[in-house]
PDB file of N, CA and C in Angstrom:
ATOM      1  N   CYS A   1       0.535   0.744  10.653  1.00  0.00           N
ATOM      2  CA  CYS A   1      -0.270   0.169  11.706  1.00  0.00           C
ATOM      3  C   CYS A   1      -0.389  -1.338  11.546  1.00  0.00           C
ATOM      4  N   ALA A   2      -0.485  -1.812  10.319  1.00  0.00           N
ATOM      5  CA  ALA A   2      -0.700  -3.252  10.113  1.00  0.00           C
ATOM      6  C   ALA A   2       0.458  -4.102  10.625  1.00  0.00           C
ATOM      7  N   TYR A   3       1.691  -3.569  10.473  1.00  0.00           N
ATOM      8  CA  TYR A   3       2.845  -4.307  11.014  1.00  0.00           C
ATOM      9  C   TYR A   3       2.844  -4.226  12.524  1.00  0.00           C
ATOM     10  N   ALA A   4       2.577  -3.063  13.066  1.00  0.00           N
ATOM     11  CA  ALA A   4       2.609  -2.875  14.516  1.00  0.00           C
ATOM     12  C   ALA A   4       1.581  -3.740  15.235  1.00  0.00           C
ATOM     13  N   ASP A   5       0.429  -3.967  14.638  1.00  0.00           N
ATOM     14  CA  ASP A   5      -0.564  -4.812  15.310  1.00  0.00           C
ATOM     15  C   ASP A   5      -0.533  -6.272  14.854  1.00  0.00           C
ATOM     16  N   GLY A   6       0.457  -6.616  14.039  1.00  0.00           N
ATOM     17  CA  GLY A   6       0.678  -8.016  13.686  1.00  0.00           C
ATOM     18  C   GLY A   6      -0.103  -8.523  12.488  1.00  0.00           C
ATOM     19  N   CYS A   7      -0.818  -7.624  11.791  1.00  0.00           N
ATOM     20  CA  CYS A   7      -1.576  -8.054  10.589  1.00  0.00           C
ATOM     21  C   CYS A   7      -0.649  -8.366   9.425  1.00  0.00           C
ATOM     22  N   LEU A   8       0.482  -7.659   9.346  1.00  0.00           N
ATOM     23  CA  LEU A   8       1.464  -7.888   8.281  1.00  0.00           C
ATOM     24  C   LEU A   8       2.809  -8.224   8.888  1.00  0.00           C
ATOM     25  N   THR A   9       3.550  -9.054   8.165  1.00  0.00           N
ATOM     26  CA  THR A   9       4.933  -9.286   8.547  1.00  0.00           C
ATOM     27  C   THR A   9       5.777  -8.069   8.144  1.00  0.00           C
ATOM     28  N   LEU A  10       6.993  -8.003   8.614  1.00  0.00           N
ATOM     29  CA  LEU A  10       7.862  -6.910   8.221  1.00  0.00           C
ATOM     30  C   LEU A  10       8.031  -6.888   6.704  1.00  0.00           C
ATOM     31  N   GLU A  11       8.272  -8.041   6.111  1.00  0.00           N
ATOM     32  CA  GLU A  11       8.437  -8.148   4.654  1.00  0.00           C
ATOM     33  C   GLU A  11       7.187  -7.646   3.910  1.00  0.00           C
ATOM     34  N   GLN A  12       6.014  -8.036   4.384  1.00  0.00           N
ATOM     35  CA  GLN A  12       4.770  -7.594   3.745  1.00  0.00           C
ATOM     36  C   GLN A  12       4.583  -6.093   3.877  1.00  0.00           C
ATOM     37  N   ALA A  13       4.910  -5.528   5.015  1.00  0.00           N
ATOM     38  CA  ALA A  13       4.752  -4.083   5.235  1.00  0.00           C
ATOM     39  C   ALA A  13       5.689  -3.299   4.331  1.00  0.00           C
ATOM     40  N   ILE A  14       6.918  -3.789   4.187  1.00  0.00           N
ATOM     41  CA  ILE A  14       7.897  -3.112   3.312  1.00  0.00           C
ATOM     42  C   ILE A  14       7.414  -3.187   1.856  1.00  0.00           C
ATOM     43  N   LYS A  15       6.973  -4.352   1.433  1.00  0.00           N
ATOM     44  CA  LYS A  15       6.467  -4.522   0.045  1.00  0.00           C
ATOM     45  C   LYS A  15       5.250  -3.613  -0.188  1.00  0.00           C
ATOM     46  N   ALA A  16       4.334  -3.570   0.775  1.00  0.00           N
ATOM     47  CA  ALA A  16       3.141  -2.730   0.621  1.00  0.00           C
ATOM     48  C   ALA A  16       3.522  -1.259   0.464  1.00  0.00           C
ATOM     49  N   ALA A  17       4.460  -0.796   1.306  1.00  0.00           N
ATOM     50  CA  ALA A  17       4.911   0.601   1.212  1.00  0.00           C
ATOM     51  C   ALA A  17       5.590   0.878  -0.110  1.00  0.00           C
ATOM     52  N   TYR A  18       6.426  -0.046  -0.567  1.00  0.00           N
ATOM     53  CA  TYR A  18       7.158   0.123  -1.826  1.00  0.00           C
ATOM     54  C   TYR A  18       6.171   0.228  -2.983  1.00  0.00           C
ATOM     55  N   PHE A  19       5.252  -0.761  -3.091  1.00  0.00           N
ATOM     56  CA  PHE A  19       4.356  -0.777  -4.222  1.00  0.00           C
ATOM     57  C   PHE A  19       3.307   0.327  -4.188  1.00  0.00           C
ATOM     58  N   ARG A  20       2.961   0.785  -2.977  1.00  0.00           N
ATOM     59  CA  ARG A  20       2.068   1.961  -2.887  1.00  0.00           C
ATOM     60  C   ARG A  20       2.797   3.175  -3.440  1.00  0.00           C
ATOM     61  N   GLY A  21       4.024   3.371  -3.026  1.00  0.00           N
ATOM     62  CA  GLY A  21       4.797   4.486  -3.524  1.00  0.00           C
ATOM     63  C   GLY A  21       5.002   4.436  -5.013  1.00  0.00           C
ATOM     64  N   LYS A  22       5.281   3.247  -5.526  1.00  0.00           N
ATOM     65  CA  LYS A  22       5.482   3.068  -6.968  1.00  0.00           C
ATOM     66  C   LYS A  22       4.206   3.367  -7.741  1.00  0.00           C
ATOM     67  N   ALA A  23       3.056   2.889  -7.249  1.00  0.00           N
ATOM     68  CA  ALA A  23       1.791   3.155  -7.920  1.00  0.00           C
ATOM     69  C   ALA A  23       1.447   4.633  -7.917  1.00  0.00           C
ATOM     70  N   ILE A  24       1.689   5.319  -6.806  1.00  0.00           N
ATOM     71  CA  ILE A  24       1.415   6.752  -6.732  1.00  0.00           C
ATOM     72  C   ILE A  24       2.353   7.520  -7.682  1.00  0.00           C
ATOM     73  N   ASP A  25       3.598   7.120  -7.713  1.00  0.00           N
ATOM     74  CA  ASP A  25       4.595   7.787  -8.564  1.00  0.00           C
ATOM     75  C   ASP A  25       4.234   7.624 -10.039  1.00  0.00           C
ATOM     76  N   GLU A  26       3.693   6.492 -10.417  1.00  0.00           N
ATOM     77  CA  GLU A  26       3.368   6.215 -11.838  1.00  0.00           C
ATOM     78  C   GLU A  26       1.978   6.670 -12.227  1.00  0.00           C
ATOM     79  N   SER A  27       1.182   7.149 -11.285  1.00  0.00           N
ATOM     80  CA  SER A  27      -0.168   7.550 -11.603  1.00  0.00           C
ATOM     81  C   SER A  27      -0.212   8.970 -12.157  1.00  0.00           C
ATOM     82  N   ASN A  28      -1.337   9.296 -12.720  1.00  0.00           N
ATOM     83  CA  ASN A  28      -1.555  10.668 -13.230  1.00  0.00           C
ATOM     84  C   ASN A  28      -2.469  11.458 -12.296  1.00  0.00           C
ATOM     85  N   LEU A  29      -2.502  11.087 -11.044  1.00  0.00           N
ATOM     86  CA  LEU A  29      -3.379  11.758 -10.068  1.00  0.00           C
ATOM     87  C   LEU A  29      -2.765  13.077  -9.652  1.00  0.00           C
ATOM     88  N   PRO A  30      -3.638  14.039  -9.321  1.00  0.00           N
ATOM     89  CA  PRO A  30      -3.118  15.297  -8.797  1.00  0.00           C
ATOM     90  C   PRO A  30      -2.463  15.086  -7.431  1.00  0.00           C
ATOM     91  N   GLU A  31      -1.444  15.881  -7.120  1.00  0.00           N
ATOM     92  CA  GLU A  31      -0.748  15.729  -5.862  1.00  0.00           C
ATOM     93  C   GLU A  31      -1.666  16.050  -4.696  1.00  0.00           C
ATOM     94  N   GLY A  32      -1.428  15.358  -3.579  1.00  0.00           N
ATOM     95  CA  GLY A  32      -2.175  15.625  -2.377  1.00  0.00           C
ATOM     96  C   GLY A  32      -3.454  14.819  -2.209  1.00  0.00           C
ATOM     97  N   GLY A  33      -3.789  13.965  -3.156  1.00  0.00           N
ATOM     98  CA  GLY A  33      -4.999  13.172  -3.058  1.00  0.00           C
ATOM     99  C   GLY A  33      -4.779  11.901  -2.229  1.00  0.00           C
ATOM    100  N   MET A  34      -5.887  11.273  -1.870  1.00  0.00           N
ATOM    101  CA  MET A  34      -5.817  10.054  -1.083  1.00  0.00           C
ATOM    102  C   MET A  34      -6.958   9.139  -1.503  1.00  0.00           C
ATOM    103  N   ALA A  35      -6.720   7.842  -1.490  1.00  0.00           N
ATOM    104  CA  ALA A  35      -7.764   6.869  -1.797  1.00  0.00           C
ATOM    105  C   ALA A  35      -7.616   5.662  -0.919  1.00  0.00           C
ATOM    106  N   ALA A  36      -8.729   5.031  -0.619  1.00  0.00           N
ATOM    107  CA  ALA A  36      -8.739   3.780   0.135  1.00  0.00           C
ATOM    108  C   ALA A  36      -9.413   2.741  -0.755  1.00  0.00           C
ATOM    109  N   VAL A  37      -8.762   1.606  -0.924  1.00  0.00           N
ATOM    110  CA  VAL A  37      -9.300   0.555  -1.803  1.00  0.00           C
ATOM    111  C   VAL A  37      -9.336  -0.757  -1.031  1.00  0.00           C
ATOM    112  N   GLY A  38     -10.480  -1.379  -1.013  1.00  0.00           N
ATOM    113  CA  GLY A  38     -10.598  -2.679  -0.371  1.00  0.00           C
ATOM    114  C   GLY A  38     -10.223  -3.768  -1.391  1.00  0.00           C
ATOM    115  N   MET A  39      -9.328  -4.657  -1.008  1.00  0.00           N
ATOM    116  CA  MET A  39      -8.888  -5.697  -1.917  1.00  0.00           C
ATOM    117  C   MET A  39      -8.426  -6.914  -1.140  1.00  0.00           C
ATOM    118  N   GLU A  40      -8.763  -8.088  -1.621  1.00  0.00           N
ATOM    119  CA  GLU A  40      -8.319  -9.299  -0.988  1.00  0.00           C
ATOM    120  C   GLU A  40      -6.825  -9.466  -1.157  1.00  0.00           C
ATOM    121  N   GLU A  41      -6.170 -10.055  -0.167  1.00  0.00           N
ATOM    122  CA  GLU A  41      -4.717 -10.242  -0.236  1.00  0.00           C
ATOM    123  C   GLU A  41      -4.306 -11.056  -1.472  1.00  0.00           C
ATOM    124  N   THR A  42      -5.110 -12.011  -1.878  1.00  0.00           N
ATOM    125  CA  THR A  42      -4.780 -12.866  -3.029  1.00  0.00           C
ATOM    126  C   THR A  42      -4.735 -12.089  -4.338  1.00  0.00           C
ATOM    127  N   LEU A  43      -5.334 -10.922  -4.390  1.00  0.00           N
ATOM    128  CA  LEU A  43      -5.362 -10.096  -5.599  1.00  0.00           C
ATOM    129  C   LEU A  43      -4.180  -9.144  -5.691  1.00  0.00           C
ATOM    130  N   LEU A  44      -3.391  -9.045  -4.630  1.00  0.00           N
ATOM    131  CA  LEU A  44      -2.261  -8.127  -4.641  1.00  0.00           C
ATOM    132  C   LEU A  44      -1.159  -8.590  -5.529  1.00  0.00           C
TER     133      LEU A  44
END
């Protein structure tokens, strides 16, 4: 949604998807969970 509404560039959207997937893959969380985290862009 963020790319579609102009909040993220294509490059930012791809990076966000990549690093989200990487973080989930490397976590020890049970499958099927979901989390929402508020974070400033400068902290990414």
